[in-house]
Every structure is written in C-alpha cells, then in structure tokens.
Amino acid sequence: MNVNPKRPETTTPLSVAADPRWARIAARDRTADGAFWYSVATTGVYCRPSCPSRTANPKNVQLHDTLASAKATGFRPCRRCNPNGPSIETENAALVVKACRLVEQREEEPSLEELADAVCLSPSYFHRMFKAATGLTPKGYAAAYRAGKVRESLASGHSVTAAIYDAGFNSSGRFYEKSTGMLGMTPSHYRAGGANEEIKFAIGQTYLGAILVASSTKGVAAILLGDDAEALLRELQDRFPNACLIGADREYEAIVARVVGFVEAPRLGLDLPLDVRGTAFQQRVWQALRDIPVGATVTYAELAQRIGSCKSVRAVAGACAVNKLAVAIPCHRVIRTDGSVSGYAWGLERKRALLDREASQKV
C-alpha cells in the first residue's frame, strides 16, 4: 500500500491591508512611531506610521520592522514625517517649549511676531502649532502665566503693586482690567486669602451622599460631594481660608434644593449663575463639558478635539480633575477611549451612578 507523504505546510504572509499595523498607519498613530516603518513603491519614499501624507494604496506598501530595512529599499526618506530623525511633532514641541521659556523670561509680553521670529517660523504657522500643542494661543499662554505669577506673588504676602510688576504688567490699569477674571475676586481680597468675602453655603443629601453647595456674590463657586458633611465643610474652609462662611441660611437652602433636584433629575437642567475660577485653558475645558448633553459621554481625546487642542489630552484630564463644581460642570461625562470609567474626584462609584441615572433619563 502506497502512502503519499504529507506536503509541508506553508504560511501565506498577510497582505498589508490585513496586517494590524496597517490600521495604525491609516489612523496615523503617533504611538507606533519607532515600532515599524513603511515604504511606498509608487512614490519611492519610506515613512513613519504617523506620516500626515495622503494614505497610500496598501497594495503599493511594504512594512518594515527596522529603519535599516526601510532604507534598504533604496527609497528616499519622506520630507513630511522625517523617518530618519525626530518627528515633526517632536521638533515642534521643542520650539513650543523655547517660545514658552521666552514668554516666561521677558518682563513684557512678547508679540506673536517676536515669538515666531525666535523659532524661525511664520507667525500664522507658529500660532496654529502653539495652540495645537498647548491648547492656548501664545497670547493666552502669556496671560495664564502672568496670572499664575500674580497668584504666587500675592500668596507670598507681596503687595498688590509688587505683584503687578513682578508679573510683567507695565501698568496697574491694564492689570485691574483683568484682575477679577484672573483671580475670581479683587487682588486685595485674594492676597488676604478671601478675607471679607462672604461665602454662603448649605449641606444637603442626595442618593450620592452628602452635597455641599457654596456661593460667592458672583454665583455658585463650589459643589462638593462626599460621605461626610464635616469633611466637605473642612474642604470648603481650606478653599476659602479667610472668607466669612455663612451657613444655615433658609433663603440659600432653596438654591441647594435646586442643585439636589438637578442631581436627582438631570433632565431638569441647572439654571444658576456660576463663579468659575480657573485658568483660560481650564475654563475652555469646563465650558466644553457643559455643552455635553445629559445622557451623553465623550472621551478625553474627543474633549480635546472639541476645544481645538487635539494634543492636549493630558491637560484636559488635569482640568477635569481640578473641577470643584460637581454636576454643574459635568466632568463625570468623560470616559476612557475603551469606554471604561476612571478619574473622578468624588469617587468612581458616584461617577458610575451619575452616568447610569443620566442614561436612564435620556430623552
């Protein structure tokens, strides 16, 4: 009896389109840079995965595990993504850092033209690049940096006049025009830790536990959630150490009741003035959060896109983390890319509960 020997099994290589790496190229995944490269026969170039050039036909593409393999094709390096050296993004980040240091070192705010000239770019391109990297315009960054200097100087006990000039304001008039927006109160009040500022507050109960609502004369300045009402009050005292805290006000308790009602039934909305205190970038993030409909969620990356700053995902997450107006600025509606829940100042269980309640009441 003749037995035919088995032929050795052969493995057919995956087509480029079926290779998982192709999806990363199509998505211009920056995290794939350095892990592999690709070359395009029709253009005679090789690139890094995040190359911004028009997506090639995968039939004309060859994938390479090493840079040496890509070079061995004899093709030239792509001029747009510079696969042989640092990425354009890395180079731009270095230029942004250089411009930021220049802003910080100058006594007076440099103009857009001066900053662009310092990094050898056109003003328009530099403006777009800077905003994409930081989430702020160069002017906005300078204003935020000076605001930080003012807060630091006042907190150190320096006089208002000294703080004005230390921060690079060349006139007190220009400073006072912007001071309340920067500090949330007058400079003298800020220097005194909020002394003489009246903060009304009251504590209520919701299905999430205790809730503390506090307001300045401008609007609601804090909404805090927790298990322990005393702990919430201590947190409020830490936030406004020298302010005059006024509790147990029957009229103000009506405002707290409105906030509690909103927590219980999000579709009702919360039409109350807010005293939002933060940097220009934080306020942009918080406004974008308020634009998210009840029952909807976005990822941190999507939120960064909504404020026109795709590369500022970490900064966006940081702005969510320091939000002190729970539910009114709904940072609980931001989730991870994989859909999981994370990063909530008042606990993940409360975040899940808020999302579940809003989903159940979604119109």
Protein backbone atom coordinates (compact mmCIF):
# COMPACT_ATOMS: atom_id res chain seq x y z
CA MET A 1 0.00 0.00 0.00
CA ASN A 2 1.50 3.28 -1.10
CA VAL A 3 1.18 6.20 1.29
CA ASN A 4 1.65 9.67 -0.12
CA PRO A 5 3.84 11.77 2.20
CA LYS A 6 2.29 14.95 3.54
CA ARG A 7 3.48 18.12 1.91
CA PRO A 8 5.00 20.60 4.35
CA GLU A 9 2.53 23.31 5.37
CA THR A 10 3.35 26.77 4.11
CA THR A 11 2.26 30.03 5.71
CA THR A 12 0.94 32.66 3.36
CA PRO A 13 2.09 36.06 4.54
CA LEU A 14 -0.62 38.50 5.45
CA SER A 15 -1.44 41.14 2.90
CA VAL A 16 -0.55 44.64 4.08
CA ALA A 17 -4.24 45.57 4.33
CA ALA A 18 -4.84 42.60 6.67
CA ASP A 19 -1.80 43.35 8.83
CA PRO A 20 -2.79 45.05 12.15
CA ARG A 21 -0.02 47.58 11.55
CA TRP A 22 -1.83 48.95 8.51
CA ALA A 23 -4.72 50.14 10.68
CA ARG A 24 -2.22 52.10 12.77
CA ILE A 25 -0.83 53.71 9.61
CA ALA A 26 -4.32 54.60 8.38
CA ALA A 27 -5.01 56.17 11.80
CA ARG A 28 -1.64 58.00 11.75
CA ASP A 29 -0.95 56.53 15.18
CA ARG A 30 1.93 58.51 16.74
CA THR A 31 2.45 55.83 19.38
CA ALA A 32 3.54 53.46 16.60
CA ASP A 33 6.46 55.68 15.58
CA GLY A 34 9.72 53.81 16.14
CA ALA A 35 7.98 50.41 16.26
CA PHE A 36 7.97 49.96 12.48
CA TRP A 37 8.22 51.89 9.20
CA TYR A 38 6.64 51.56 5.76
CA SER A 39 7.66 52.29 2.17
CA VAL A 40 5.52 53.21 -0.83
CA ALA A 41 6.61 51.91 -4.22
CA THR A 42 4.65 54.44 -6.30
CA THR A 43 6.21 57.49 -4.61
CA GLY A 44 9.62 56.00 -3.82
CA VAL A 45 9.64 57.12 -0.19
CA TYR A 46 9.62 55.48 3.24
CA CYS A 47 7.77 56.92 6.20
CA ARG A 48 6.95 56.62 9.89
CA PRO A 49 3.41 55.37 10.79
CA SER A 50 2.15 58.83 11.78
CA CYS A 51 3.09 60.42 8.45
CA PRO A 52 0.49 63.09 7.58
CA SER A 53 0.77 62.41 3.83
CA ARG A 54 -2.19 61.12 1.88
CA THR A 55 -2.88 57.46 2.73
CA ALA A 56 -1.29 55.18 0.16
CA ASN A 57 -2.89 52.16 -1.51
CA PRO A 58 -1.88 49.20 0.68
CA LYS A 59 -1.10 47.21 -2.47
CA ASN A 60 1.84 49.57 -3.04
CA VAL A 61 3.07 49.45 0.56
CA GLN A 62 5.73 47.34 2.21
CA LEU A 63 6.08 47.17 6.01
CA HIS A 64 9.48 47.21 7.71
CA ASP A 65 10.40 46.15 11.23
CA THR A 66 13.53 48.30 11.28
CA LEU A 67 14.67 51.60 9.86
CA ALA A 68 17.59 49.81 8.20
CA SER A 69 15.12 47.60 6.31
CA ALA A 70 13.22 50.67 5.08
CA LYS A 71 16.48 52.32 3.94
CA ALA A 72 17.49 49.14 2.12
CA THR A 73 14.67 49.69 -0.37
CA GLY A 74 16.75 52.45 -1.90
CA PHE A 75 13.84 54.86 -1.50
CA ARG A 76 14.31 58.36 -0.07
CA PRO A 77 13.08 59.43 3.39
CA CYS A 78 9.76 61.27 3.38
CA ARG A 79 10.21 65.02 3.82
CA ARG A 80 6.93 65.41 5.65
CA CYS A 81 7.49 62.94 8.50
CA ASN A 82 11.31 62.74 8.59
CA PRO A 83 11.53 59.00 9.41
CA ASN A 84 15.32 59.13 9.92
CA GLY A 85 15.22 61.61 12.79
CA PRO A 86 12.86 63.16 15.34
CA SER A 87 9.27 63.54 14.19
CA ILE A 88 7.94 66.91 13.12
CA GLU A 89 5.76 66.78 16.25
CA THR A 90 8.83 66.35 18.46
CA GLU A 91 10.63 69.20 16.73
CA ASN A 92 7.58 71.44 17.04
CA ALA A 93 7.25 70.57 20.73
CA ALA A 94 10.83 71.73 21.27
CA LEU A 95 10.05 75.02 19.52
CA VAL A 96 6.94 75.50 21.66
CA VAL A 97 9.00 74.94 24.82
CA LYS A 98 11.51 77.51 23.58
CA ALA A 99 8.72 80.03 22.97
CA CYS A 100 7.21 79.36 26.41
CA ARG A 101 10.56 79.98 28.09
CA LEU A 102 10.86 83.24 26.17
CA VAL A 103 7.42 84.35 27.40
CA GLU A 104 8.39 83.49 30.97
CA GLN A 105 11.74 85.29 30.85
CA ARG A 106 10.55 88.54 29.30
CA GLU A 107 9.35 91.34 31.57
CA GLU A 108 6.78 92.41 28.99
CA GLU A 109 4.66 90.11 26.87
CA PRO A 110 6.41 89.45 23.52
CA SER A 111 4.37 89.90 20.36
CA LEU A 112 3.35 87.00 18.14
CA GLU A 113 5.82 88.18 15.51
CA GLU A 114 8.69 88.23 18.03
CA LEU A 115 7.94 84.71 19.21
CA ALA A 116 7.60 83.35 15.67
CA ASP A 117 10.85 85.01 14.64
CA ALA A 118 12.63 83.47 17.65
CA VAL A 119 11.77 79.96 16.45
CA CYS A 120 12.21 80.77 12.73
CA LEU A 121 8.59 80.22 11.70
CA SER A 122 5.92 82.35 10.10
CA PRO A 123 3.53 83.95 12.61
CA SER A 124 0.46 82.15 11.23
CA TYR A 125 2.08 78.70 11.27
CA PHE A 126 3.59 79.28 14.70
CA HIS A 127 0.21 80.42 16.08
CA ARG A 128 -1.51 77.22 14.84
CA MET A 129 1.32 74.99 16.05
CA PHE A 130 1.46 76.59 19.51
CA LYS A 131 -2.30 76.28 20.04
CA ALA A 132 -2.30 72.65 18.89
CA ALA A 133 0.45 71.80 21.37
CA THR A 134 -0.70 73.74 24.43
CA GLY A 135 -4.42 74.31 23.95
CA LEU A 136 -3.85 78.06 24.24
CA THR A 137 -2.82 80.79 21.86
CA PRO A 138 0.57 82.40 22.57
CA LYS A 139 -1.28 85.42 23.97
CA GLY A 140 -3.46 83.15 26.11
CA TYR A 141 -0.42 81.32 27.45
CA ALA A 142 1.25 84.61 28.36
CA ALA A 143 -1.90 85.75 30.16
CA ALA A 144 -2.22 82.46 32.05
CA TYR A 145 1.46 82.56 33.04
CA ARG A 146 1.17 86.13 34.31
CA ALA A 147 -2.00 85.22 36.23
CA GLY A 148 -0.08 82.41 37.89
CA LYS A 149 2.72 84.80 38.80
CA VAL A 150 0.21 87.22 40.32
CA ARG A 151 -1.40 84.47 42.43
CA GLU A 152 2.01 83.21 43.58
CA SER A 153 3.21 86.70 44.47
CA LEU A 154 0.04 87.63 46.36
CA ALA A 155 0.03 84.31 48.22
CA SER A 156 3.62 85.02 49.31
CA GLY A 157 2.49 88.22 51.02
CA HIS A 158 3.80 90.71 48.48
CA SER A 159 1.92 93.93 47.94
CA VAL A 160 -0.54 94.20 45.06
CA THR A 161 1.73 96.75 43.37
CA ALA A 162 4.74 94.44 43.61
CA ALA A 163 2.69 91.54 42.24
CA ILE A 164 1.56 93.66 39.29
CA TYR A 165 5.06 94.49 38.14
CA ASP A 166 6.57 91.11 39.06
CA ALA A 167 4.08 89.53 36.67
CA GLY A 168 5.10 91.82 33.80
CA PHE A 169 2.15 94.22 33.71
CA ASN A 170 3.53 97.58 32.67
CA SER A 171 0.61 99.49 34.15
CA SER A 172 -1.77 98.96 37.04
CA GLY A 173 -4.70 99.98 34.85
CA ARG A 174 -4.19 97.04 32.49
CA PHE A 175 -3.87 94.69 35.44
CA TYR A 176 -7.04 95.82 37.21
CA GLU A 177 -9.00 95.42 33.97
CA LYS A 178 -8.26 91.69 34.10
CA SER A 179 -7.68 91.04 37.79
CA THR A 180 -11.12 89.76 38.78
CA GLY A 181 -11.21 87.38 35.84
CA MET A 182 -7.78 86.04 36.76
CA LEU A 183 -8.31 85.72 40.50
CA GLY A 184 -12.07 85.37 40.93
CA MET A 185 -12.05 88.34 43.33
CA THR A 186 -10.27 91.62 43.82
CA PRO A 187 -6.47 91.43 44.26
CA SER A 188 -6.65 92.68 47.85
CA HIS A 189 -9.19 90.01 48.75
CA TYR A 190 -7.08 87.32 47.09
CA ARG A 191 -3.96 88.47 48.92
CA ALA A 192 -5.85 88.20 52.19
CA GLY A 193 -7.00 84.68 51.38
CA GLY A 194 -10.52 85.83 50.59
CA ALA A 195 -10.80 87.95 53.73
CA ASN A 196 -14.10 89.81 54.00
CA GLU A 197 -15.51 87.80 51.08
CA GLU A 198 -18.84 86.29 52.04
CA ILE A 199 -19.38 82.69 51.03
CA LYS A 200 -22.82 81.29 51.69
CA PHE A 201 -23.14 77.52 51.95
CA ALA A 202 -25.53 74.76 52.88
CA ILE A 203 -25.37 70.99 53.02
CA GLY A 204 -27.99 68.60 51.68
CA GLN A 205 -28.44 64.90 50.95
CA THR A 206 -28.78 63.08 47.63
CA TYR A 207 -28.67 59.46 46.52
CA LEU A 208 -24.92 60.09 46.08
CA GLY A 209 -24.48 61.04 49.75
CA ALA A 210 -23.82 64.47 51.23
CA ILE A 211 -23.62 67.52 48.96
CA LEU A 212 -22.27 70.96 49.86
CA VAL A 213 -23.13 73.98 47.73
CA ALA A 214 -21.33 77.30 48.27
CA SER A 215 -21.74 80.65 46.52
CA SER A 216 -19.98 83.99 46.33
CA THR A 217 -21.76 87.17 45.33
CA LYS A 218 -20.96 86.24 41.72
CA GLY A 219 -22.53 82.77 41.73
CA VAL A 220 -22.11 79.15 42.79
CA ALA A 221 -18.38 78.69 43.49
CA ALA A 222 -18.29 75.09 44.72
CA ILE A 223 -20.39 71.93 44.64
CA LEU A 224 -18.75 69.15 46.64
CA LEU A 225 -19.82 65.53 47.08
CA GLY A 226 -18.87 63.08 49.82
CA ASP A 227 -19.87 60.72 52.60
CA ASP A 228 -19.08 63.05 55.49
CA ALA A 229 -20.68 66.52 55.73
CA GLU A 230 -17.99 67.66 58.18
CA ALA A 231 -15.25 66.68 55.72
CA LEU A 232 -16.96 68.69 52.98
CA LEU A 233 -17.11 71.74 55.24
CA ARG A 234 -13.38 71.40 56.03
CA GLU A 235 -12.67 71.22 52.29
CA LEU A 236 -14.64 74.43 51.79
CA GLN A 237 -12.71 76.14 54.61
CA ASP A 238 -9.42 75.07 53.00
CA ARG A 239 -10.58 76.52 49.69
CA PHE A 240 -11.56 79.88 51.23
CA PRO A 241 -9.36 80.06 54.36
CA ASN A 242 -10.08 83.66 55.33
CA ALA A 243 -13.54 84.15 53.88
CA CYS A 244 -16.60 84.68 56.02
CA LEU A 245 -18.59 81.44 55.67
CA ILE A 246 -22.32 81.87 56.23
CA GLY A 247 -24.33 78.70 56.79
CA ALA A 248 -27.88 77.70 57.69
CA ASP A 249 -29.42 80.50 55.60
CA ARG A 250 -33.02 79.49 54.77
CA GLU A 251 -33.06 81.51 51.56
CA TYR A 252 -29.83 79.92 50.38
CA GLU A 253 -31.05 76.44 51.21
CA ALA A 254 -33.55 76.91 48.36
CA ILE A 255 -30.58 77.08 45.96
CA VAL A 256 -29.18 73.87 47.43
CA ALA A 257 -32.58 72.25 46.91
CA ARG A 258 -32.37 73.18 43.20
CA VAL A 259 -28.94 71.57 42.92
CA VAL A 260 -30.19 68.44 44.71
CA GLY A 261 -33.17 68.34 42.34
CA PHE A 262 -30.82 68.54 39.38
CA VAL A 263 -28.74 65.64 40.73
CA GLU A 264 -31.88 63.54 41.15
CA ALA A 265 -33.37 64.51 37.76
CA PRO A 266 -30.60 65.73 35.37
CA ARG A 267 -33.08 66.46 32.57
CA LEU A 268 -34.40 69.40 34.60
CA GLY A 269 -31.17 71.32 33.97
CA LEU A 270 -29.44 73.71 36.37
CA ASP A 271 -30.03 77.36 35.56
CA LEU A 272 -27.85 79.05 38.19
CA PRO A 273 -25.05 81.62 37.80
CA LEU A 274 -21.62 80.08 38.37
CA ASP A 275 -18.46 81.63 39.80
CA VAL A 276 -15.95 79.67 37.73
CA ARG A 277 -12.38 80.22 38.87
CA GLY A 278 -9.59 78.78 36.74
CA THR A 279 -7.06 79.41 34.02
CA ALA A 280 -8.12 80.28 30.49
CA PHE A 281 -7.45 76.71 29.36
CA GLN A 282 -9.39 75.19 32.27
CA GLN A 283 -12.36 77.42 31.55
CA ARG A 284 -12.36 76.32 27.90
CA VAL A 285 -12.45 72.68 29.01
CA TRP A 286 -15.18 73.35 31.57
CA GLN A 287 -17.34 75.17 29.03
CA ALA A 288 -16.97 72.24 26.63
CA LEU A 289 -18.08 69.92 29.45
CA ARG A 290 -21.22 71.99 29.99
CA ASP A 291 -22.04 71.56 26.29
CA ILE A 292 -22.22 67.74 26.61
CA PRO A 293 -25.91 66.72 26.61
CA VAL A 294 -27.42 64.77 29.52
CA GLY A 295 -27.00 61.04 28.88
CA ALA A 296 -24.05 61.50 26.51
CA THR A 297 -20.36 60.82 27.14
CA VAL A 298 -17.13 61.77 25.41
CA THR A 299 -13.56 60.53 25.72
CA TYR A 300 -10.73 62.74 26.91
CA ALA A 301 -9.37 62.75 23.35
CA GLU A 302 -12.75 63.83 21.94
CA LEU A 303 -12.99 66.59 24.53
CA ALA A 304 -9.54 67.82 23.50
CA GLN A 305 -10.74 67.90 19.88
CA ARG A 306 -13.83 69.89 20.85
CA ILE A 307 -11.71 72.70 22.27
CA GLY A 308 -9.45 72.62 19.19
CA SER A 309 -6.46 71.14 21.01
CA CYS A 310 -6.12 67.50 19.94
CA LYS A 311 -2.69 67.09 21.51
CA SER A 312 -3.66 68.34 24.97
CA VAL A 313 -5.39 65.19 26.25
CA ARG A 314 -3.40 65.14 29.50
CA ALA A 315 -4.04 68.82 30.14
CA VAL A 316 -7.76 68.23 29.52
CA ALA A 317 -7.75 65.38 32.05
CA GLY A 318 -5.98 67.68 34.51
CA ALA A 319 -8.65 70.36 34.07
CA CYS A 320 -11.35 67.77 34.76
CA ALA A 321 -9.53 66.65 37.91
CA VAL A 322 -9.44 70.13 39.49
CA ASN A 323 -13.08 70.96 38.77
CA LYS A 324 -14.82 71.97 42.02
CA LEU A 325 -18.32 72.29 40.60
CA ALA A 326 -19.58 68.71 40.57
CA VAL A 327 -22.58 68.05 38.27
CA ALA A 328 -22.80 71.74 37.25
CA ILE A 329 -19.59 71.23 35.26
CA PRO A 330 -20.21 67.57 34.36
CA CYS A 331 -16.72 66.10 34.27
CA HIS A 332 -18.35 62.74 35.08
CA ARG A 333 -19.40 62.56 31.41
CA VAL A 334 -15.81 62.00 30.29
CA ILE A 335 -14.66 58.39 29.93
CA ARG A 336 -11.65 56.50 28.62
CA THR A 337 -11.27 55.56 24.96
CA ASP A 338 -12.16 51.94 25.78
CA GLY A 339 -15.39 53.08 27.42
CA SER A 340 -14.27 52.40 30.98
CA VAL A 341 -14.88 54.83 33.84
CA SER A 342 -11.94 56.48 35.57
CA GLY A 343 -10.64 59.67 37.12
CA TYR A 344 -13.39 61.27 39.23
CA ALA A 345 -12.55 63.46 42.22
CA TRP A 346 -15.63 62.27 44.14
CA GLY A 347 -15.16 58.55 43.55
CA LEU A 348 -15.75 56.12 40.70
CA GLU A 349 -18.93 54.73 42.26
CA ARG A 350 -20.51 58.19 42.19
CA LYS A 351 -19.39 58.67 38.60
CA ARG A 352 -20.99 55.37 37.56
CA ALA A 353 -24.16 56.24 39.47
CA LEU A 354 -24.40 59.64 37.77
CA LEU A 355 -23.90 58.13 34.32
CA ASP A 356 -26.43 55.36 34.97
CA ARG A 357 -29.05 57.83 36.17
CA GLU A 358 -28.50 60.16 33.22
CA ALA A 359 -28.64 57.24 30.77
CA SER A 360 -31.98 56.13 32.27
CA GLN A 361 -33.39 59.64 31.85
CA LYS A 362 -32.01 60.26 28.39
CA VAL A 363 -34.62 61.72 26.07
